[in-house]
Structures are given as structure tokens and as C-alpha cells.
Amino acid sequence: PNRGLPENYILTKTHCGGRCNECGPSSYLETKESFLASCARGSRVSSQSKTKRRVQYNPEIVQRAIHLVRDPFNNVVSNFHLEQHEQAKKGRDDWLEKYPNDANGFRKWCQAVDLKYAEEEKLTRLIPDFIIDLFHDIPCHKAFYLFAQWHNFAIRTIADLQLPSLTIHYEDYEDHFNATARQIFDFLDVEIEGKVLPFASGKQYIDYFSSAERTAAGELVQKLSGKETWQIVKKYFS
């Protein structure tokens, strides 16, 4: 609380757009313009009323970008856990019983979500038939479509805004924590003060998907990804 603001850059976080569990293509398909608008959307707390309100920032205030990449298989299971948390807050014990916190519950949830939006995905003109065909072999296929779309637009947005950027993979924190932290601080031109808290690594969910499903997901993501996107994500499907 006694530290001043950094002189050069202040690190903030944005999830940008194209992220949803319960939605169809009319909601999750993005353009570069809608993606950028979502990146610049946030909230702020009034210093006087202490109330929070939604705000839209000017993207031109951004000076640098750190592009964080996470294993998509772990990420989709984390989305399932987030949905469980939201349903628990609503007191939906019936939902939690139907979709328990294990591999079977996850796969059952994926099946329900995939089926719910299958007709809308089939009828949209914005997803080619050969991509729709690949959906059938992948649990929670939408998550992998969104994974490729998100990173494609992240890379394009960084290029359009002509931002210096740093790409960090989630597992870099686990494998090389000190070096990764130092790399981020150097990129932001900020000195480390005090003790850096240890990183709490997440769980791995490789057993939630079969080998064939992982291969199918890799084929889908490769077909959807631009060259630069595929270079930074292909290791998750090897």
C-alpha cells in the first residue's frame, strides 16, 4: 500500500471477447473489431460513491502486450469448474448432482452443451461444413474453436496496434518461475520489490480426453489457426 505507481507501465488484465460456455455461434463468433472492443472493456470503482460501473477504454492507451497461452485441454476443464462454481452460488444442487466434479461429469456436461447448440452451428453460414464435421469427435468442441479464434485475434490485435509483445505460456511459471517473472518485469521496465510470491500450479486433466479426441482437437485447431497462432499452440497437441 505504500508503494508508488510504476513510472513506465502498469500491468492490467483483459480476457477480450469470444468466451462463453452457454452460447451459440451468434454470440461466440467474433470480428477483429468486436474482439478489440471487448479487450478495451472493463470496470472501474468510483472513488466517491465506491460503486462499480462498466467502462470502455480507448485501445490507443495500450503501450505493450503480454500474450498468455494456456493448455486448451486444461482450460476447458477449468471452464467446467467455473460453471460448477456459478451453479453452486445459485443453489443448483440438481445441476451439481447431474454434472459431478470428475471426468464423467465433465464429459456429460460437454455432451449437453455440444448438443444444445449443434443445430445453430449447423445452420450458420459462418462455420464451414468441413469444420462442423470435425466437431463431432471432440467433447466441448466449441472451446477449441474459441481457443483458435481467440489467439488468432490476439495476435492480429497486437499487430494492428503495433505493440511490443511478450508471449508467455502458462507452464513457464511452473517450469521456470524465477526466469519467467524476471522476463515479465524486464519487459515492463519494472524493478522487483520485496518477495515474489510462489506460483500455485494448476492440475492436469490429460485423462479427461482420449488420445483420439486430443488428435481430433489438434486437427481442428490447426485448420482454424493462422501460422503464428499454430506455432505457439501446436505443442499442446503433439
C-alpha atoms as a PDB file:
ATOM      1  CA  PRO A   1       0.000   0.000   0.000  1.00  0.00           C
ATOM      2  CA  ASN A   2       2.963   2.345   0.494  1.00  0.00           C
ATOM      3  CA  ARG A   3       4.430   1.782  -2.961  1.00  0.00           C
ATOM      4  CA  GLY A   4       4.022   4.341  -5.710  1.00  0.00           C
ATOM      5  CA  LEU A   5       2.796   3.640  -9.216  1.00  0.00           C
ATOM      6  CA  PRO A   6       5.360   2.376 -11.758  1.00  0.00           C
ATOM      7  CA  GLU A   7       6.890   5.176 -13.804  1.00  0.00           C
ATOM      8  CA  ASN A   8       6.561   3.458 -17.189  1.00  0.00           C
ATOM      9  CA  TYR A   9       3.947   0.706 -17.489  1.00  0.00           C
ATOM     10  CA  ILE A  10       1.070  -0.605 -15.366  1.00  0.00           C
ATOM     11  CA  LEU A  11       0.076  -4.221 -15.966  1.00  0.00           C
ATOM     12  CA  THR A  12      -3.664  -4.824 -16.348  1.00  0.00           C
ATOM     13  CA  LYS A  13      -5.628  -7.901 -17.410  1.00  0.00           C
ATOM     14  CA  THR A  14      -8.264  -8.388 -20.074  1.00  0.00           C
ATOM     15  CA  HIS A  15      -9.988 -11.545 -21.321  1.00  0.00           C
ATOM     16  CA  CYS A  16     -11.124  -9.826 -24.539  1.00  0.00           C
ATOM     17  CA  GLY A  17     -14.061 -11.462 -26.363  1.00  0.00           C
ATOM     18  CA  GLY A  18     -15.283 -14.776 -27.741  1.00  0.00           C
ATOM     19  CA  ARG A  19     -15.584 -16.575 -24.404  1.00  0.00           C
ATOM     20  CA  CYS A  20     -18.740 -18.255 -23.209  1.00  0.00           C
ATOM     21  CA  ASN A  21     -19.965 -21.633 -22.037  1.00  0.00           C
ATOM     22  CA  GLU A  22     -23.688 -21.352 -22.632  1.00  0.00           C
ATOM     23  CA  CYS A  23     -23.923 -19.692 -26.045  1.00  0.00           C
ATOM     24  CA  GLY A  24     -24.099 -20.468 -29.740  1.00  0.00           C
ATOM     25  CA  PRO A  25     -22.224 -19.049 -32.749  1.00  0.00           C
ATOM     26  CA  SER A  26     -24.432 -15.957 -32.891  1.00  0.00           C
ATOM     27  CA  SER A  27     -22.718 -14.953 -29.641  1.00  0.00           C
ATOM     28  CA  TYR A  28     -19.258 -16.508 -29.792  1.00  0.00           C
ATOM     29  CA  LEU A  29     -18.166 -15.680 -33.349  1.00  0.00           C
ATOM     30  CA  GLU A  30     -16.068 -12.519 -33.351  1.00  0.00           C
ATOM     31  CA  THR A  31     -14.765  -9.953 -35.816  1.00  0.00           C
ATOM     32  CA  LYS A  32     -11.484  -8.132 -35.239  1.00  0.00           C
ATOM     33  CA  GLU A  33     -13.490  -5.025 -34.351  1.00  0.00           C
ATOM     34  CA  SER A  34     -15.723  -6.746 -31.776  1.00  0.00           C
ATOM     35  CA  PHE A  35     -12.717  -8.542 -30.304  1.00  0.00           C
ATOM     36  CA  LEU A  36     -10.791  -5.288 -29.844  1.00  0.00           C
ATOM     37  CA  ALA A  37     -13.833  -3.599 -28.321  1.00  0.00           C
ATOM     38  CA  SER A  38     -14.093  -6.426 -25.783  1.00  0.00           C
ATOM     39  CA  CYS A  39     -10.382  -6.147 -24.987  1.00  0.00           C
ATOM     40  CA  ALA A  40     -10.874  -2.477 -24.125  1.00  0.00           C
ATOM     41  CA  ARG A  41     -13.953  -3.087 -21.979  1.00  0.00           C
ATOM     42  CA  GLY A  42     -13.674  -3.147 -18.213  1.00  0.00           C
ATOM     43  CA  SER A  43     -14.998  -1.727 -14.980  1.00  0.00           C
ATOM     44  CA  ARG A  44     -13.930   0.893 -12.506  1.00  0.00           C
ATOM     45  CA  VAL A  45     -14.862   1.838  -8.958  1.00  0.00           C
ATOM     46  CA  SER A  46     -15.786   5.437  -8.234  1.00  0.00           C
ATOM     47  CA  SER A  47     -13.555   6.975  -5.566  1.00  0.00           C
ATOM     48  CA  GLN A  48     -16.551   8.934  -4.278  1.00  0.00           C
ATOM     49  CA  SER A  49     -19.552   6.601  -4.412  1.00  0.00           C
ATOM     50  CA  LYS A  50     -17.494   3.364  -4.188  1.00  0.00           C
ATOM     51  CA  THR A  51     -19.772   1.851  -6.823  1.00  0.00           C
ATOM     52  CA  LYS A  52     -18.537  -0.168  -9.782  1.00  0.00           C
ATOM     53  CA  ARG A  53     -19.536   0.670 -13.327  1.00  0.00           C
ATOM     54  CA  ARG A  54     -18.709  -0.654 -16.778  1.00  0.00           C
ATOM     55  CA  VAL A  55     -16.375   1.437 -18.907  1.00  0.00           C
ATOM     56  CA  GLN A  56     -14.955   1.372 -22.435  1.00  0.00           C
ATOM     57  CA  TYR A  57     -11.315   2.396 -22.687  1.00  0.00           C
ATOM     58  CA  ASN A  58      -9.528   3.779 -25.725  1.00  0.00           C
ATOM     59  CA  PRO A  59      -7.275   0.971 -27.069  1.00  0.00           C
ATOM     60  CA  GLU A  60      -4.677   3.559 -28.019  1.00  0.00           C
ATOM     61  CA  ILE A  61      -3.664   3.942 -24.372  1.00  0.00           C
ATOM     62  CA  VAL A  62      -2.185   0.429 -24.504  1.00  0.00           C
ATOM     63  CA  GLN A  63       1.588   0.517 -24.949  1.00  0.00           C
ATOM     64  CA  ARG A  64       2.628  -3.143 -24.606  1.00  0.00           C
ATOM     65  CA  ALA A  65       1.019  -6.565 -24.559  1.00  0.00           C
ATOM     66  CA  ILE A  66       1.737  -9.820 -22.732  1.00  0.00           C
ATOM     67  CA  HIS A  67       0.068 -12.687 -24.562  1.00  0.00           C
ATOM     68  CA  LEU A  68      -0.663 -15.562 -22.154  1.00  0.00           C
ATOM     69  CA  VAL A  69      -1.241 -19.053 -23.588  1.00  0.00           C
ATOM     70  CA  ARG A  70      -2.641 -21.981 -21.600  1.00  0.00           C
ATOM     71  CA  ASP A  71      -3.063 -25.658 -22.451  1.00  0.00           C
ATOM     72  CA  PRO A  72      -6.546 -25.744 -24.051  1.00  0.00           C
ATOM     73  CA  PHE A  73      -7.394 -29.129 -22.516  1.00  0.00           C
ATOM     74  CA  ASN A  74      -6.756 -27.822 -19.001  1.00  0.00           C
ATOM     75  CA  ASN A  75      -8.529 -24.606 -19.889  1.00  0.00           C
ATOM     76  CA  VAL A  76     -11.786 -26.238 -20.966  1.00  0.00           C
ATOM     77  CA  VAL A  77     -11.912 -28.294 -17.766  1.00  0.00           C
ATOM     78  CA  SER A  78     -11.346 -25.064 -15.819  1.00  0.00           C
ATOM     79  CA  ASN A  79     -14.369 -23.639 -17.649  1.00  0.00           C
ATOM     80  CA  PHE A  80     -16.371 -26.608 -16.386  1.00  0.00           C
ATOM     81  CA  HIS A  81     -15.199 -25.895 -12.840  1.00  0.00           C
ATOM     82  CA  LEU A  82     -16.182 -22.236 -13.259  1.00  0.00           C
ATOM     83  CA  GLU A  83     -19.644 -23.312 -14.374  1.00  0.00           C
ATOM     84  CA  GLN A  84     -19.887 -25.567 -11.316  1.00  0.00           C
ATOM     85  CA  HIS A  85     -18.958 -22.629  -9.097  1.00  0.00           C
ATOM     86  CA  GLU A  86     -21.632 -20.434 -10.697  1.00  0.00           C
ATOM     87  CA  GLN A  87     -24.295 -23.119 -10.319  1.00  0.00           C
ATOM     88  CA  ALA A  88     -23.308 -23.672  -6.674  1.00  0.00           C
ATOM     89  CA  LYS A  89     -23.781 -19.950  -5.974  1.00  0.00           C
ATOM     90  CA  LYS A  90     -27.298 -20.260  -7.388  1.00  0.00           C
ATOM     91  CA  GLY A  91     -28.033 -23.227  -5.125  1.00  0.00           C
ATOM     92  CA  ARG A  92     -28.487 -25.562  -8.117  1.00  0.00           C
ATOM     93  CA  ASP A  93     -27.881 -28.834  -6.285  1.00  0.00           C
ATOM     94  CA  ASP A  94     -29.728 -30.697  -9.062  1.00  0.00           C
ATOM     95  CA  TRP A  95     -27.237 -29.391 -11.637  1.00  0.00           C
ATOM     96  CA  LEU A  96     -24.258 -30.302  -9.447  1.00  0.00           C
ATOM     97  CA  GLU A  97     -25.619 -33.793  -8.952  1.00  0.00           C
ATOM     98  CA  LYS A  98     -26.170 -34.199 -12.684  1.00  0.00           C
ATOM     99  CA  TYR A  99     -22.665 -32.988 -13.562  1.00  0.00           C
ATOM    100  CA  PRO A 100     -20.333 -34.104 -10.723  1.00  0.00           C
ATOM    101  CA  ASN A 101     -16.779 -32.788 -10.392  1.00  0.00           C
ATOM    102  CA  ASP A 102     -14.987 -35.606 -12.192  1.00  0.00           C
ATOM    103  CA  ALA A 103     -14.187 -36.776 -15.721  1.00  0.00           C
ATOM    104  CA  ASN A 104     -17.601 -38.363 -16.190  1.00  0.00           C
ATOM    105  CA  GLY A 105     -19.385 -35.211 -15.036  1.00  0.00           C
ATOM    106  CA  PHE A 106     -17.245 -33.115 -17.362  1.00  0.00           C
ATOM    107  CA  ARG A 107     -17.923 -35.313 -20.383  1.00  0.00           C
ATOM    108  CA  LYS A 108     -21.645 -35.383 -19.649  1.00  0.00           C
ATOM    109  CA  TRP A 109     -21.667 -31.569 -19.444  1.00  0.00           C
ATOM    110  CA  CYS A 110     -19.751 -31.324 -22.740  1.00  0.00           C
ATOM    111  CA  GLN A 111     -22.254 -33.613 -24.407  1.00  0.00           C
ATOM    112  CA  ALA A 112     -25.164 -31.481 -23.212  1.00  0.00           C
ATOM    113  CA  VAL A 113     -23.575 -28.192 -24.347  1.00  0.00           C
ATOM    114  CA  ASP A 114     -22.487 -29.634 -27.704  1.00  0.00           C
ATOM    115  CA  LEU A 115     -25.989 -30.951 -28.379  1.00  0.00           C
ATOM    116  CA  LYS A 116     -27.695 -27.732 -27.271  1.00  0.00           C
ATOM    117  CA  TYR A 117     -26.043 -25.611 -29.957  1.00  0.00           C
ATOM    118  CA  ALA A 118     -25.464 -28.244 -32.676  1.00  0.00           C
ATOM    119  CA  GLU A 119     -28.379 -27.089 -34.839  1.00  0.00           C
ATOM    120  CA  GLU A 120     -27.380 -23.410 -34.679  1.00  0.00           C
ATOM    121  CA  GLU A 121     -23.799 -24.311 -35.591  1.00  0.00           C
ATOM    122  CA  LYS A 122     -25.004 -26.435 -38.495  1.00  0.00           C
ATOM    123  CA  LEU A 123     -27.236 -23.680 -39.889  1.00  0.00           C
ATOM    124  CA  THR A 124     -24.810 -20.773 -39.598  1.00  0.00           C
ATOM    125  CA  ARG A 125     -23.054 -19.744 -42.791  1.00  0.00           C
ATOM    126  CA  LEU A 126     -20.007 -18.581 -40.882  1.00  0.00           C
ATOM    127  CA  ILE A 127     -18.624 -22.014 -39.977  1.00  0.00           C
ATOM    128  CA  PRO A 128     -17.609 -24.192 -42.975  1.00  0.00           C
ATOM    129  CA  ASP A 129     -19.061 -27.692 -43.255  1.00  0.00           C
ATOM    130  CA  PHE A 130     -15.625 -29.336 -43.008  1.00  0.00           C
ATOM    131  CA  ILE A 131     -15.147 -27.649 -39.621  1.00  0.00           C
ATOM    132  CA  ILE A 132     -18.590 -28.773 -38.455  1.00  0.00           C
ATOM    133  CA  ASP A 133     -17.627 -32.334 -39.416  1.00  0.00           C
ATOM    134  CA  LEU A 134     -14.583 -32.134 -37.131  1.00  0.00           C
ATOM    135  CA  PHE A 135     -16.750 -31.042 -34.193  1.00  0.00           C
ATOM    136  CA  HIS A 136     -18.336 -34.477 -33.843  1.00  0.00           C
ATOM    137  CA  ASP A 137     -15.198 -36.177 -32.494  1.00  0.00           C
ATOM    138  CA  ILE A 138     -14.334 -33.582 -29.822  1.00  0.00           C
ATOM    139  CA  PRO A 139     -16.015 -33.131 -26.411  1.00  0.00           C
ATOM    140  CA  CYS A 140     -16.709 -29.435 -25.801  1.00  0.00           C
ATOM    141  CA  HIS A 141     -15.671 -28.724 -29.384  1.00  0.00           C
ATOM    142  CA  LYS A 142     -16.698 -25.063 -29.118  1.00  0.00           C
ATOM    143  CA  ALA A 143     -13.926 -24.446 -26.581  1.00  0.00           C
ATOM    144  CA  PHE A 144     -11.295 -25.452 -29.120  1.00  0.00           C
ATOM    145  CA  TYR A 145     -12.873 -23.322 -31.830  1.00  0.00           C
ATOM    146  CA  LEU A 146     -12.786 -20.381 -29.425  1.00  0.00           C
ATOM    147  CA  PHE A 147      -9.205 -21.197 -28.440  1.00  0.00           C
ATOM    148  CA  ALA A 148      -8.006 -20.819 -32.036  1.00  0.00           C
ATOM    149  CA  GLN A 149     -10.210 -17.796 -32.691  1.00  0.00           C
ATOM    150  CA  TRP A 150      -9.035 -16.035 -29.524  1.00  0.00           C
ATOM    151  CA  HIS A 151      -5.330 -16.426 -30.218  1.00  0.00           C
ATOM    152  CA  ASN A 152      -5.747 -15.515 -33.895  1.00  0.00           C
ATOM    153  CA  PHE A 153      -7.410 -12.241 -32.918  1.00  0.00           C
ATOM    154  CA  ALA A 154      -4.982 -11.596 -30.048  1.00  0.00           C
ATOM    155  CA  ILE A 155      -2.043 -11.820 -32.445  1.00  0.00           C
ATOM    156  CA  ARG A 156      -3.799  -9.695 -35.053  1.00  0.00           C
ATOM    157  CA  THR A 157      -4.793  -7.063 -32.494  1.00  0.00           C
ATOM    158  CA  ILE A 158      -1.224  -6.783 -31.227  1.00  0.00           C
ATOM    159  CA  ALA A 159      -0.011  -6.359 -34.819  1.00  0.00           C
ATOM    160  CA  ASP A 160      -2.707  -3.807 -35.728  1.00  0.00           C
ATOM    161  CA  LEU A 161      -1.878  -1.710 -32.664  1.00  0.00           C
ATOM    162  CA  GLN A 162       1.854  -2.146 -33.388  1.00  0.00           C
ATOM    163  CA  LEU A 163       2.571  -3.161 -29.822  1.00  0.00           C
ATOM    164  CA  PRO A 164       5.782  -4.645 -28.482  1.00  0.00           C
ATOM    165  CA  SER A 165       4.679  -8.016 -27.125  1.00  0.00           C
ATOM    166  CA  LEU A 166       5.817 -10.898 -24.970  1.00  0.00           C
ATOM    167  CA  THR A 167       4.330 -14.399 -25.262  1.00  0.00           C
ATOM    168  CA  ILE A 168       4.209 -16.412 -22.052  1.00  0.00           C
ATOM    169  CA  HIS A 169       2.954 -19.980 -21.717  1.00  0.00           C
ATOM    170  CA  TYR A 170       1.149 -20.852 -18.502  1.00  0.00           C
ATOM    171  CA  GLU A 171       3.527 -23.737 -17.818  1.00  0.00           C
ATOM    172  CA  ASP A 172       6.527 -21.366 -17.977  1.00  0.00           C
ATOM    173  CA  TYR A 173       5.547 -20.320 -14.451  1.00  0.00           C
ATOM    174  CA  GLU A 174       5.745 -23.944 -13.314  1.00  0.00           C
ATOM    175  CA  ASP A 175       8.956 -24.890 -15.121  1.00  0.00           C
ATOM    176  CA  HIS A 176      10.974 -21.665 -14.916  1.00  0.00           C
ATOM    177  CA  PHE A 177       9.225 -19.424 -12.431  1.00  0.00           C
ATOM    178  CA  ASN A 178      12.075 -17.079 -11.478  1.00  0.00           C
ATOM    179  CA  ALA A 179      13.252 -16.623 -15.063  1.00  0.00           C
ATOM    180  CA  THR A 180       9.686 -16.042 -16.289  1.00  0.00           C
ATOM    181  CA  ALA A 181       8.974 -13.490 -13.556  1.00  0.00           C
ATOM    182  CA  ARG A 182      12.227 -11.695 -14.360  1.00  0.00           C
ATOM    183  CA  GLN A 183      11.350 -11.692 -18.069  1.00  0.00           C
ATOM    184  CA  ILE A 184       7.965 -10.080 -17.382  1.00  0.00           C
ATOM    185  CA  PHE A 185       9.403  -7.438 -15.050  1.00  0.00           C
ATOM    186  CA  ASP A 186      12.112  -6.590 -17.570  1.00  0.00           C
ATOM    187  CA  PHE A 187       9.542  -6.313 -20.369  1.00  0.00           C
ATOM    188  CA  LEU A 188       7.524  -3.877 -18.254  1.00  0.00           C
ATOM    189  CA  ASP A 189      10.655  -1.986 -17.203  1.00  0.00           C
ATOM    190  CA  VAL A 190       9.771  -2.501 -13.545  1.00  0.00           C
ATOM    191  CA  GLU A 191      12.080  -3.458 -10.688  1.00  0.00           C
ATOM    192  CA  ILE A 192      11.152  -6.328  -8.392  1.00  0.00           C
ATOM    193  CA  GLU A 193      10.448  -5.076  -4.881  1.00  0.00           C
ATOM    194  CA  GLY A 194      10.061  -7.427  -1.961  1.00  0.00           C
ATOM    195  CA  LYS A 195       9.479 -11.155  -2.240  1.00  0.00           C
ATOM    196  CA  VAL A 196       7.768 -12.655  -5.284  1.00  0.00           C
ATOM    197  CA  LEU A 197       5.014 -14.995  -4.108  1.00  0.00           C
ATOM    198  CA  PRO A 198       5.360 -18.637  -5.213  1.00  0.00           C
ATOM    199  CA  PHE A 199       3.247 -19.830  -8.122  1.00  0.00           C
ATOM    200  CA  ALA A 200       0.427 -22.272  -7.345  1.00  0.00           C
ATOM    201  CA  SER A 201       0.325 -24.598 -10.322  1.00  0.00           C
ATOM    202  CA  GLY A 202      -2.961 -25.924 -11.676  1.00  0.00           C
ATOM    203  CA  LYS A 203      -3.971 -29.531 -12.153  1.00  0.00           C
ATOM    204  CA  GLN A 204      -3.509 -31.533 -15.342  1.00  0.00           C
ATOM    205  CA  TYR A 205      -6.533 -33.152 -16.979  1.00  0.00           C
ATOM    206  CA  ILE A 206      -4.998 -35.326 -19.662  1.00  0.00           C
ATOM    207  CA  ASP A 207      -7.206 -38.264 -18.621  1.00  0.00           C
ATOM    208  CA  TYR A 208     -10.382 -36.296 -19.386  1.00  0.00           C
ATOM    209  CA  PHE A 209      -9.773 -36.784 -23.130  1.00  0.00           C
ATOM    210  CA  SER A 210      -8.879 -39.886 -25.138  1.00  0.00           C
ATOM    211  CA  SER A 211      -5.847 -39.920 -27.417  1.00  0.00           C
ATOM    212  CA  ALA A 212      -8.145 -39.857 -30.463  1.00  0.00           C
ATOM    213  CA  GLU A 213     -10.034 -36.847 -29.097  1.00  0.00           C
ATOM    214  CA  ARG A 214      -6.810 -34.958 -28.469  1.00  0.00           C
ATOM    215  CA  THR A 215      -5.696 -35.693 -32.031  1.00  0.00           C
ATOM    216  CA  ALA A 216      -9.052 -34.526 -33.419  1.00  0.00           C
ATOM    217  CA  ALA A 217      -8.866 -31.328 -31.360  1.00  0.00           C
ATOM    218  CA  GLY A 218      -5.375 -30.678 -32.725  1.00  0.00           C
ATOM    219  CA  GLU A 219      -6.604 -31.112 -36.293  1.00  0.00           C
ATOM    220  CA  LEU A 220      -9.440 -28.664 -35.677  1.00  0.00           C
ATOM    221  CA  VAL A 221      -7.218 -26.037 -34.070  1.00  0.00           C
ATOM    222  CA  GLN A 222      -4.579 -26.342 -36.799  1.00  0.00           C
ATOM    223  CA  LYS A 223      -7.166 -25.793 -39.542  1.00  0.00           C
ATOM    224  CA  LEU A 224      -8.538 -22.734 -37.732  1.00  0.00           C
ATOM    225  CA  SER A 225      -5.214 -21.195 -36.707  1.00  0.00           C
ATOM    226  CA  GLY A 226      -3.074 -18.711 -38.544  1.00  0.00           C
ATOM    227  CA  LYS A 227       0.609 -19.640 -38.948  1.00  0.00           C
ATOM    228  CA  GLU A 228       1.756 -17.596 -35.949  1.00  0.00           C
ATOM    229  CA  THR A 229      -1.013 -18.956 -33.736  1.00  0.00           C
ATOM    230  CA  TRP A 230      -0.204 -22.552 -34.643  1.00  0.00           C
ATOM    231  CA  GLN A 231       3.470 -22.023 -33.829  1.00  0.00           C
ATOM    232  CA  ILE A 232       2.673 -21.050 -30.237  1.00  0.00           C
ATOM    233  CA  VAL A 233      -0.053 -23.659 -29.586  1.00  0.00           C
ATOM    234  CA  LYS A 234       0.955 -26.760 -31.536  1.00  0.00           C
ATOM    235  CA  LYS A 235       2.962 -28.224 -28.655  1.00  0.00           C
ATOM    236  CA  TYR A 236      -0.296 -28.898 -26.778  1.00  0.00           C
ATOM    237  CA  PHE A 237      -1.384 -31.319 -29.478  1.00  0.00           C
ATOM    238  CA  SER A 238       1.877 -33.160 -30.167  1.00  0.00           C
END
